Amino acid sequence: MSARILACTTLAVAGLPTVLRAEVCDKERPGWDGTPATMLSEAIGLFSSPMGLFLSAALVVAVLFRHALGVTIVSVLWAFFVYALIAPDPTGIQQQAIIEGCIAQPTLFIGLSTAICAAAVYYTMRREPRL
């Protein structure tokens, strides 16, 4: 009886994600210190990534010049960036990193990106009243 309990306990503990078992996180986030990622930290990380910074700068330039086609193109590029984040991962590495805690769901980033792009498109598409 005790051998069965020991075996079940060992299997249960071995299945838990821990910092010691973070071999996926060593590859995905090499500087990860073991603290679980939150949606806010994931959004900040994605916005400050090279692609996030490039798209943010391009969107700011297009909005400053009120260039509707430029905002539309940047919004489409932003949609491709978001799709790359949520596309199915056939290797399962991203899902394992989420389970281990070094990556969080990008839900907040997707919502903020959508709101920013929608506001930019609305701002550039509206017409000024003619006097």
N, C-alpha and C. Protein backbone atom coordinates (compact mmCIF):
# COMPACT_ATOMS: atom_id res chain seq x y z
N MET A 1 0.82 -1.19 0.00
CA MET A 1 0.00 0.00 0.00
C MET A 1 0.86 1.25 0.00
N SER A 2 1.91 1.28 0.83
CA SER A 2 2.75 2.47 0.89
C SER A 2 3.56 2.65 -0.40
N ALA A 3 3.89 1.57 -1.09
CA ALA A 3 4.61 1.69 -2.36
C ALA A 3 3.73 2.35 -3.41
N ARG A 4 2.43 2.04 -3.38
CA ARG A 4 1.49 2.65 -4.32
C ARG A 4 1.35 4.15 -4.03
N ILE A 5 1.26 4.52 -2.76
CA ILE A 5 1.15 5.94 -2.38
C ILE A 5 2.43 6.68 -2.77
N LEU A 6 3.58 6.05 -2.54
CA LEU A 6 4.85 6.67 -2.90
C LEU A 6 4.95 6.86 -4.42
N ALA A 7 4.51 5.88 -5.18
CA ALA A 7 4.55 5.99 -6.63
C ALA A 7 3.63 7.10 -7.13
N CYS A 8 2.42 7.19 -6.57
CA CYS A 8 1.48 8.24 -6.97
C CYS A 8 2.00 9.62 -6.59
N THR A 9 2.59 9.73 -5.41
CA THR A 9 3.14 11.01 -4.96
C THR A 9 4.30 11.42 -5.85
N THR A 10 5.16 10.48 -6.20
CA THR A 10 6.29 10.77 -7.07
C THR A 10 5.82 11.24 -8.44
N LEU A 11 4.82 10.58 -8.99
CA LEU A 11 4.28 10.99 -10.29
C LEU A 11 3.63 12.36 -10.22
N ALA A 12 2.95 12.65 -9.12
CA ALA A 12 2.29 13.94 -8.98
C ALA A 12 3.31 15.07 -8.86
N VAL A 13 4.36 14.84 -8.09
CA VAL A 13 5.39 15.87 -7.91
C VAL A 13 6.19 16.05 -9.20
N ALA A 14 6.46 14.97 -9.91
CA ALA A 14 7.23 15.05 -11.15
C ALA A 14 6.46 15.81 -12.23
N GLY A 15 5.14 15.82 -12.16
CA GLY A 15 4.34 16.51 -13.15
C GLY A 15 4.19 18.00 -12.90
N LEU A 16 4.57 18.47 -11.70
CA LEU A 16 4.43 19.88 -11.39
C LEU A 16 5.55 20.69 -12.02
N PRO A 17 5.22 21.85 -12.62
CA PRO A 17 6.28 22.69 -13.17
C PRO A 17 7.02 23.41 -12.05
N THR A 18 8.30 23.31 -12.04
CA THR A 18 9.11 23.98 -11.04
C THR A 18 10.26 24.68 -11.73
N VAL A 19 10.94 25.52 -10.97
CA VAL A 19 12.09 26.22 -11.52
C VAL A 19 13.19 25.22 -11.89
N LEU A 20 13.27 24.12 -11.15
CA LEU A 20 14.30 23.14 -11.43
C LEU A 20 14.06 22.42 -12.75
N ARG A 21 12.81 22.33 -13.18
CA ARG A 21 12.47 21.63 -14.41
C ARG A 21 12.26 22.58 -15.57
N ALA A 22 12.77 23.77 -15.51
CA ALA A 22 12.48 24.80 -16.50
C ALA A 22 13.42 24.72 -17.70
N GLU A 23 13.56 23.55 -18.29
CA GLU A 23 14.43 23.45 -19.45
C GLU A 23 13.85 24.18 -20.67
N VAL A 24 12.56 24.25 -20.79
CA VAL A 24 11.95 25.01 -21.88
C VAL A 24 12.19 26.50 -21.66
N CYS A 25 12.09 26.94 -20.43
CA CYS A 25 12.29 28.36 -20.12
C CYS A 25 13.73 28.79 -20.32
N ASP A 26 14.68 27.86 -20.19
CA ASP A 26 16.07 28.20 -20.47
C ASP A 26 16.26 28.56 -21.94
N LYS A 27 15.46 27.96 -22.80
CA LYS A 27 15.57 28.24 -24.23
C LYS A 27 14.70 29.43 -24.63
N GLU A 28 13.50 29.53 -24.09
CA GLU A 28 12.57 30.61 -24.46
C GLU A 28 12.94 31.94 -23.82
N ARG A 29 13.22 31.94 -22.55
CA ARG A 29 13.59 33.14 -21.79
C ARG A 29 14.87 32.87 -21.02
N PRO A 30 16.03 33.04 -21.65
CA PRO A 30 17.29 32.69 -20.98
C PRO A 30 17.55 33.45 -19.68
N GLY A 31 17.10 34.68 -19.54
CA GLY A 31 17.35 35.45 -18.33
C GLY A 31 16.26 35.33 -17.28
N TRP A 32 15.39 34.34 -17.39
CA TRP A 32 14.26 34.20 -16.48
C TRP A 32 14.76 33.86 -15.09
N ASP A 33 14.25 34.60 -14.09
CA ASP A 33 14.73 34.42 -12.71
C ASP A 33 13.84 33.51 -11.87
N GLY A 34 12.80 32.96 -12.43
CA GLY A 34 11.97 32.02 -11.69
C GLY A 34 10.65 32.59 -11.22
N THR A 35 10.46 33.90 -11.30
CA THR A 35 9.18 34.48 -10.90
C THR A 35 8.17 34.26 -12.02
N PRO A 36 6.95 33.90 -11.68
CA PRO A 36 5.96 33.64 -12.73
C PRO A 36 5.62 34.91 -13.50
N ALA A 37 5.49 34.76 -14.81
CA ALA A 37 5.14 35.89 -15.67
C ALA A 37 3.66 36.20 -15.54
N THR A 38 3.33 37.48 -15.58
CA THR A 38 1.93 37.92 -15.56
C THR A 38 1.56 38.45 -16.94
N MET A 39 0.27 38.69 -17.13
CA MET A 39 -0.16 39.25 -18.41
C MET A 39 0.42 40.64 -18.63
N LEU A 40 0.56 41.41 -17.54
CA LEU A 40 1.13 42.75 -17.66
C LEU A 40 2.61 42.68 -18.04
N SER A 41 3.36 41.81 -17.41
CA SER A 41 4.78 41.69 -17.76
C SER A 41 4.95 41.16 -19.18
N GLU A 42 4.06 40.28 -19.60
CA GLU A 42 4.13 39.76 -20.97
C GLU A 42 3.81 40.87 -21.98
N ALA A 43 2.80 41.71 -21.67
CA ALA A 43 2.46 42.81 -22.57
C ALA A 43 3.60 43.81 -22.66
N ILE A 44 4.21 44.14 -21.52
CA ILE A 44 5.35 45.07 -21.53
C ILE A 44 6.50 44.47 -22.34
N GLY A 45 6.74 43.21 -22.18
CA GLY A 45 7.81 42.55 -22.93
C GLY A 45 7.54 42.54 -24.43
N LEU A 46 6.29 42.31 -24.82
CA LEU A 46 5.96 42.28 -26.24
C LEU A 46 5.97 43.68 -26.86
N PHE A 47 5.50 44.67 -26.11
CA PHE A 47 5.55 46.05 -26.62
C PHE A 47 6.98 46.54 -26.74
N SER A 48 7.87 46.07 -25.86
CA SER A 48 9.26 46.52 -25.91
C SER A 48 10.16 45.60 -26.74
N SER A 49 9.59 44.62 -27.39
CA SER A 49 10.36 43.77 -28.30
C SER A 49 10.70 44.59 -29.55
N PRO A 50 11.68 44.18 -30.33
CA PRO A 50 12.04 44.94 -31.53
C PRO A 50 10.86 45.16 -32.48
N MET A 51 10.06 44.12 -32.69
CA MET A 51 8.92 44.27 -33.59
C MET A 51 7.85 45.18 -32.98
N GLY A 52 7.62 45.07 -31.69
CA GLY A 52 6.65 45.93 -31.03
C GLY A 52 7.07 47.39 -31.07
N LEU A 53 8.36 47.66 -30.85
CA LEU A 53 8.86 49.03 -30.92
C LEU A 53 8.78 49.59 -32.34
N PHE A 54 9.11 48.77 -33.33
CA PHE A 54 9.03 49.22 -34.72
C PHE A 54 7.59 49.55 -35.11
N LEU A 55 6.66 48.67 -34.77
CA LEU A 55 5.26 48.90 -35.12
C LEU A 55 4.70 50.11 -34.37
N SER A 56 5.08 50.29 -33.12
CA SER A 56 4.62 51.46 -32.36
C SER A 56 5.14 52.75 -32.98
N ALA A 57 6.41 52.77 -33.35
CA ALA A 57 6.99 53.96 -33.97
C ALA A 57 6.34 54.25 -35.32
N ALA A 58 6.12 53.21 -36.11
CA ALA A 58 5.48 53.39 -37.42
C ALA A 58 4.06 53.91 -37.26
N LEU A 59 3.35 53.42 -36.27
CA LEU A 59 1.98 53.88 -36.04
C LEU A 59 1.96 55.33 -35.57
N VAL A 60 2.90 55.71 -34.71
CA VAL A 60 2.97 57.10 -34.25
C VAL A 60 3.24 58.04 -35.42
N VAL A 61 4.16 57.66 -36.30
CA VAL A 61 4.48 58.50 -37.46
C VAL A 61 3.26 58.63 -38.37
N ALA A 62 2.58 57.51 -38.62
CA ALA A 62 1.41 57.56 -39.50
C ALA A 62 0.29 58.39 -38.89
N VAL A 63 0.11 58.34 -37.58
CA VAL A 63 -0.94 59.12 -36.92
C VAL A 63 -0.57 60.60 -36.93
N LEU A 64 0.70 60.91 -36.68
CA LEU A 64 1.12 62.31 -36.67
C LEU A 64 0.90 62.98 -38.03
N PHE A 65 1.11 62.22 -39.10
CA PHE A 65 0.87 62.76 -40.43
C PHE A 65 -0.57 62.55 -40.90
N ARG A 66 -1.40 61.95 -40.06
CA ARG A 66 -2.80 61.63 -40.40
C ARG A 66 -2.90 60.93 -41.74
N HIS A 67 -2.07 59.95 -41.93
CA HIS A 67 -2.02 59.20 -43.17
C HIS A 67 -2.82 57.91 -43.00
N ALA A 68 -4.02 57.91 -43.54
CA ALA A 68 -4.95 56.80 -43.32
C ALA A 68 -4.42 55.49 -43.89
N LEU A 69 -3.83 55.53 -45.07
CA LEU A 69 -3.31 54.31 -45.66
C LEU A 69 -2.13 53.78 -44.85
N GLY A 70 -1.28 54.66 -44.35
CA GLY A 70 -0.16 54.24 -43.51
C GLY A 70 -0.63 53.58 -42.23
N VAL A 71 -1.65 54.15 -41.59
CA VAL A 71 -2.19 53.55 -40.37
C VAL A 71 -2.80 52.19 -40.68
N THR A 72 -3.46 52.08 -41.81
CA THR A 72 -4.07 50.80 -42.18
C THR A 72 -2.99 49.74 -42.42
N ILE A 73 -1.93 50.11 -43.11
CA ILE A 73 -0.85 49.16 -43.38
C ILE A 73 -0.18 48.73 -42.08
N VAL A 74 0.09 49.67 -41.19
CA VAL A 74 0.72 49.32 -39.90
C VAL A 74 -0.23 48.45 -39.07
N SER A 75 -1.52 48.72 -39.14
CA SER A 75 -2.48 47.90 -38.40
C SER A 75 -2.51 46.46 -38.93
N VAL A 76 -2.40 46.32 -40.24
CA VAL A 76 -2.35 44.97 -40.82
C VAL A 76 -1.05 44.26 -40.41
N LEU A 77 0.06 44.99 -40.40
CA LEU A 77 1.32 44.40 -39.94
C LEU A 77 1.22 44.00 -38.47
N TRP A 78 0.53 44.82 -37.68
CA TRP A 78 0.34 44.51 -36.28
C TRP A 78 -0.50 43.23 -36.14
N ALA A 79 -1.49 43.08 -37.01
CA ALA A 79 -2.31 41.87 -36.97
C ALA A 79 -1.48 40.63 -37.29
N PHE A 80 -0.54 40.74 -38.22
CA PHE A 80 0.36 39.61 -38.51
C PHE A 80 1.23 39.29 -37.31
N PHE A 81 1.69 40.32 -36.60
CA PHE A 81 2.50 40.12 -35.40
C PHE A 81 1.69 39.38 -34.33
N VAL A 82 0.45 39.80 -34.13
CA VAL A 82 -0.41 39.14 -33.15
C VAL A 82 -0.69 37.70 -33.57
N TYR A 83 -0.91 37.50 -34.88
CA TYR A 83 -1.17 36.14 -35.36
C TYR A 83 0.04 35.23 -35.10
N ALA A 84 1.25 35.78 -35.26
CA ALA A 84 2.45 34.98 -35.00
C ALA A 84 2.51 34.55 -33.53
N LEU A 85 1.92 35.36 -32.65
CA LEU A 85 1.90 35.00 -31.23
C LEU A 85 0.89 33.91 -30.91
N ILE A 86 -0.25 33.95 -31.59
CA ILE A 86 -1.33 33.02 -31.24
C ILE A 86 -1.47 31.86 -32.21
N ALA A 87 -0.61 31.81 -33.22
CA ALA A 87 -0.66 30.70 -34.18
C ALA A 87 -0.39 29.39 -33.45
N PRO A 88 -1.03 28.32 -33.88
CA PRO A 88 -0.81 27.03 -33.22
C PRO A 88 0.67 26.63 -33.29
N ASP A 89 1.19 26.18 -32.16
CA ASP A 89 2.58 25.76 -32.06
C ASP A 89 2.63 24.24 -32.14
N PRO A 90 3.09 23.68 -33.27
CA PRO A 90 3.08 22.22 -33.40
C PRO A 90 4.07 21.53 -32.46
N THR A 91 5.08 22.25 -31.99
CA THR A 91 6.05 21.62 -31.10
C THR A 91 5.58 21.60 -29.66
N GLY A 92 4.67 22.50 -29.28
CA GLY A 92 4.16 22.56 -27.93
C GLY A 92 5.07 23.28 -26.96
N ILE A 93 6.12 23.92 -27.47
CA ILE A 93 7.08 24.61 -26.59
C ILE A 93 6.43 25.79 -25.90
N GLN A 94 5.64 26.56 -26.65
CA GLN A 94 5.01 27.74 -26.05
C GLN A 94 4.04 27.34 -24.94
N GLN A 95 3.27 26.32 -25.16
CA GLN A 95 2.32 25.85 -24.13
C GLN A 95 3.07 25.35 -22.90
N GLN A 96 4.18 24.66 -23.11
CA GLN A 96 4.96 24.17 -21.97
C GLN A 96 5.57 25.34 -21.20
N ALA A 97 6.01 26.39 -21.91
CA ALA A 97 6.57 27.57 -21.24
C ALA A 97 5.49 28.31 -20.44
N ILE A 98 4.27 28.32 -20.95
CA ILE A 98 3.16 28.93 -20.20
C ILE A 98 2.88 28.11 -18.94
N ILE A 99 2.91 26.80 -19.05
CA ILE A 99 2.68 25.93 -17.89
C ILE A 99 3.78 26.13 -16.85
N GLU A 100 5.02 26.25 -17.29
CA GLU A 100 6.12 26.42 -16.36
C GLU A 100 6.16 27.82 -15.76
N GLY A 101 5.54 28.79 -16.41
CA GLY A 101 5.41 30.11 -15.81
C GLY A 101 6.33 31.19 -16.33
N CYS A 102 7.19 30.89 -17.31
CA CYS A 102 8.09 31.94 -17.79
C CYS A 102 7.45 32.78 -18.88
N ILE A 103 6.35 32.34 -19.44
CA ILE A 103 5.59 33.10 -20.44
C ILE A 103 4.14 33.11 -19.98
N ALA A 104 3.49 34.26 -20.14
CA ALA A 104 2.07 34.37 -19.79
C ALA A 104 1.25 34.46 -21.08
N GLN A 105 -0.04 34.31 -20.94
CA GLN A 105 -0.93 34.47 -22.09
C GLN A 105 -0.84 35.90 -22.61
N PRO A 106 -0.81 36.11 -23.94
CA PRO A 106 -0.70 37.45 -24.49
C PRO A 106 -2.03 38.18 -24.63
N THR A 107 -3.01 37.84 -23.83
CA THR A 107 -4.35 38.41 -23.95
C THR A 107 -4.37 39.92 -23.77
N LEU A 108 -3.69 40.42 -22.76
CA LEU A 108 -3.66 41.87 -22.51
C LEU A 108 -2.99 42.60 -23.66
N PHE A 109 -1.90 42.05 -24.17
CA PHE A 109 -1.21 42.66 -25.31
C PHE A 109 -2.11 42.71 -26.54
N ILE A 110 -2.84 41.64 -26.80
CA ILE A 110 -3.73 41.60 -27.96
C ILE A 110 -4.84 42.63 -27.81
N GLY A 111 -5.43 42.72 -26.62
CA GLY A 111 -6.49 43.71 -26.40
C GLY A 111 -6.00 45.14 -26.55
N LEU A 112 -4.85 45.44 -25.96
CA LEU A 112 -4.30 46.79 -26.09
C LEU A 112 -3.91 47.11 -27.52
N SER A 113 -3.33 46.17 -28.22
CA SER A 113 -2.96 46.38 -29.63
C SER A 113 -4.19 46.65 -30.48
N THR A 114 -5.24 45.90 -30.24
CA THR A 114 -6.47 46.09 -30.99
C THR A 114 -7.06 47.46 -30.71
N ALA A 115 -7.09 47.86 -29.46
CA ALA A 115 -7.64 49.17 -29.11
C ALA A 115 -6.81 50.31 -29.70
N ILE A 116 -5.50 50.20 -29.65
CA ILE A 116 -4.63 51.24 -30.20
C ILE A 116 -4.81 51.35 -31.71
N CYS A 117 -4.83 50.24 -32.40
CA CYS A 117 -4.99 50.27 -33.86
C CYS A 117 -6.38 50.78 -34.26
N ALA A 118 -7.40 50.37 -33.53
CA ALA A 118 -8.75 50.84 -33.84
C ALA A 118 -8.87 52.35 -33.62
N ALA A 119 -8.28 52.85 -32.53
CA ALA A 119 -8.32 54.29 -32.28
C ALA A 119 -7.55 55.06 -33.34
N ALA A 120 -6.41 54.52 -33.78
CA ALA A 120 -5.62 55.19 -34.81
C ALA A 120 -6.37 55.22 -36.15
N VAL A 121 -7.01 54.12 -36.50
CA VAL A 121 -7.79 54.08 -37.75
C VAL A 121 -8.96 55.06 -37.66
N TYR A 122 -9.65 55.07 -36.55
CA TYR A 122 -10.78 55.99 -36.39
C TYR A 122 -10.31 57.44 -36.46
N TYR A 123 -9.18 57.75 -35.83
CA TYR A 123 -8.67 59.12 -35.82
C TYR A 123 -8.29 59.59 -37.22
N THR A 124 -7.66 58.73 -38.00
CA THR A 124 -7.23 59.14 -39.33
C THR A 124 -8.34 59.09 -40.36
N MET A 125 -9.40 58.35 -40.12
CA MET A 125 -10.47 58.23 -41.10
C MET A 125 -11.54 59.30 -40.95
N ARG A 126 -11.63 59.92 -39.81
CA ARG A 126 -12.67 60.92 -39.63
C ARG A 126 -12.31 62.19 -40.41
N ARG A 127 -13.29 62.86 -40.87
CA ARG A 127 -13.11 64.06 -41.69
C ARG A 127 -13.27 65.30 -40.83
N GLU A 128 -12.46 66.29 -41.14
CA GLU A 128 -12.60 67.59 -40.48
C GLU A 128 -13.79 68.32 -41.07
N PRO A 129 -14.57 69.02 -40.25
CA PRO A 129 -15.72 69.76 -40.79
C PRO A 129 -15.24 70.92 -41.67
N ARG A 130 -15.92 71.09 -42.79
CA ARG A 130 -15.59 72.20 -43.70
C ARG A 130 -16.37 73.43 -43.33
N LEU A 131 -15.72 74.55 -43.36
CA LEU A 131 -16.38 75.81 -43.02
C LEU A 131 -16.98 76.49 -44.20
